[in-house]
């Protein structure tokens, strides 16, 4: 929601937000199911699913990934 709030002047429709959420979820699921995931993929999985999700590093990765879907 913080990213959507940052972009509030761009008038993002609820349908667009829903589509982006589904795309991100599919990407995370795909990465989790891939054997031999690389360092980048592992960082993505960890940022969205494991450990302390409030750590700055995990939040930064999530912010970058989510923001990329809105640009």
C-alpha atoms as a PDB file:
ATOM      1  CA  UNK A   1       0.000   0.000   0.000  1.00  0.00           C
ATOM      2  CA  UNK A   2       2.927   2.346   0.578  1.00  0.00           C
ATOM      3  CA  UNK A   3       3.917   2.109  -3.059  1.00  0.00           C
ATOM      4  CA  UNK A   4       0.368   2.752  -4.220  1.00  0.00           C
ATOM      5  CA  UNK A   5       0.266   5.752  -1.892  1.00  0.00           C
ATOM      6  CA  UNK A   6       3.497   7.093  -3.428  1.00  0.00           C
ATOM      7  CA  UNK A   7       1.879   6.808  -6.860  1.00  0.00           C
ATOM      8  CA  UNK A   8      -1.533   8.196  -5.912  1.00  0.00           C
ATOM      9  CA  UNK A   9      -1.280  11.040  -8.424  1.00  0.00           C
ATOM     10  CA  UNK A  10      -1.097   8.540 -11.286  1.00  0.00           C
ATOM     11  CA  UNK A  11      -4.695   7.351 -10.726  1.00  0.00           C
ATOM     12  CA  UNK A  12      -4.124   3.610 -10.588  1.00  0.00           C
ATOM     13  CA  UNK A  13      -7.332   1.605 -10.916  1.00  0.00           C
ATOM     14  CA  UNK A  14      -8.196  -1.115  -8.419  1.00  0.00           C
ATOM     15  CA  UNK A  15      -8.190  -3.578 -11.315  1.00  0.00           C
ATOM     16  CA  UNK A  16      -4.598  -2.617 -12.191  1.00  0.00           C
ATOM     17  CA  UNK A  17      -3.526  -3.087  -8.566  1.00  0.00           C
ATOM     18  CA  UNK A  18      -5.210  -6.503  -8.487  1.00  0.00           C
ATOM     19  CA  UNK A  19      -3.506  -7.536 -11.730  1.00  0.00           C
ATOM     20  CA  UNK A  20      -0.102  -6.447 -10.449  1.00  0.00           C
ATOM     21  CA  UNK A  21      -0.604  -8.303  -7.162  1.00  0.00           C
ATOM     22  CA  UNK A  22      -1.451 -11.483  -9.064  1.00  0.00           C
ATOM     23  CA  UNK A  23       1.577 -11.077 -11.353  1.00  0.00           C
ATOM     24  CA  UNK A  24       3.911 -10.620  -8.385  1.00  0.00           C
ATOM     25  CA  UNK A  25       2.388 -13.615  -6.611  1.00  0.00           C
ATOM     26  CA  UNK A  26       2.847 -15.726  -9.749  1.00  0.00           C
ATOM     27  CA  UNK A  27       6.472 -14.597 -10.026  1.00  0.00           C
ATOM     28  CA  UNK A  28       7.215 -15.515  -6.405  1.00  0.00           C
ATOM     29  CA  UNK A  29       5.508 -18.885  -6.821  1.00  0.00           C
ATOM     30  CA  UNK A  30       7.445 -19.518 -10.023  1.00  0.00           C
ATOM     31  CA  UNK A  31      10.755 -18.688  -8.376  1.00  0.00           C
ATOM     32  CA  UNK A  32       9.936 -20.917  -5.388  1.00  0.00           C
ATOM     33  CA  UNK A  33       9.169 -23.840  -7.687  1.00  0.00           C
ATOM     34  CA  UNK A  34      12.334 -23.413  -9.758  1.00  0.00           C
ATOM     35  CA  UNK A  35      15.166 -25.732  -8.863  1.00  0.00           C
ATOM     36  CA  UNK A  36      18.610 -24.224  -8.762  1.00  0.00           C
ATOM     37  CA  UNK A  37      17.427 -20.693  -8.132  1.00  0.00           C
ATOM     38  CA  UNK A  38      20.200 -18.148  -8.430  1.00  0.00           C
ATOM     39  CA  UNK A  39      21.269 -15.551  -5.910  1.00  0.00           C
ATOM     40  CA  UNK A  40      18.805 -12.951  -7.222  1.00  0.00           C
ATOM     41  CA  UNK A  41      15.884 -15.365  -7.124  1.00  0.00           C
ATOM     42  CA  UNK A  42      16.760 -16.441  -3.591  1.00  0.00           C
ATOM     43  CA  UNK A  43      16.881 -12.779  -2.494  1.00  0.00           C
ATOM     44  CA  UNK A  44      13.425 -12.258  -4.007  1.00  0.00           C
ATOM     45  CA  UNK A  45      11.984 -15.290  -2.242  1.00  0.00           C
ATOM     46  CA  UNK A  46      13.506 -14.228   1.078  1.00  0.00           C
ATOM     47  CA  UNK A  47      12.288 -10.652   0.709  1.00  0.00           C
ATOM     48  CA  UNK A  48       8.700 -11.775   0.254  1.00  0.00           C
ATOM     49  CA  UNK A  49       8.401 -14.937   2.317  1.00  0.00           C
ATOM     50  CA  UNK A  50      10.941 -15.588   5.015  1.00  0.00           C
ATOM     51  CA  UNK A  51      12.694 -14.323   8.059  1.00  0.00           C
ATOM     52  CA  UNK A  52      12.027 -10.896   9.442  1.00  0.00           C
ATOM     53  CA  UNK A  53      10.039  -9.167   6.703  1.00  0.00           C
ATOM     54  CA  UNK A  54      10.580  -5.814   8.430  1.00  0.00           C
ATOM     55  CA  UNK A  55      14.321  -5.696   7.801  1.00  0.00           C
ATOM     56  CA  UNK A  56      15.371  -2.793   5.631  1.00  0.00           C
ATOM     57  CA  UNK A  57      17.046  -5.037   3.044  1.00  0.00           C
ATOM     58  CA  UNK A  58      13.893  -7.137   2.536  1.00  0.00           C
ATOM     59  CA  UNK A  59      11.707  -4.032   2.410  1.00  0.00           C
ATOM     60  CA  UNK A  60      14.009  -2.414  -0.155  1.00  0.00           C
ATOM     61  CA  UNK A  61      13.899  -5.473  -2.421  1.00  0.00           C
ATOM     62  CA  UNK A  62      10.111  -5.688  -2.167  1.00  0.00           C
ATOM     63  CA  UNK A  63       9.770  -1.964  -2.871  1.00  0.00           C
ATOM     64  CA  UNK A  64      11.967  -2.205  -5.969  1.00  0.00           C
ATOM     65  CA  UNK A  65      10.136  -5.220  -7.353  1.00  0.00           C
ATOM     66  CA  UNK A  66       6.643  -3.912  -6.667  1.00  0.00           C
ATOM     67  CA  UNK A  67       7.495  -0.433  -7.973  1.00  0.00           C
ATOM     68  CA  UNK A  68       8.832  -1.923 -11.208  1.00  0.00           C
ATOM     69  CA  UNK A  69       5.368  -3.286 -11.985  1.00  0.00           C
ATOM     70  CA  UNK A  70       3.837   0.184 -11.796  1.00  0.00           C
ATOM     71  CA  UNK A  71       6.287   1.847 -14.194  1.00  0.00           C
END
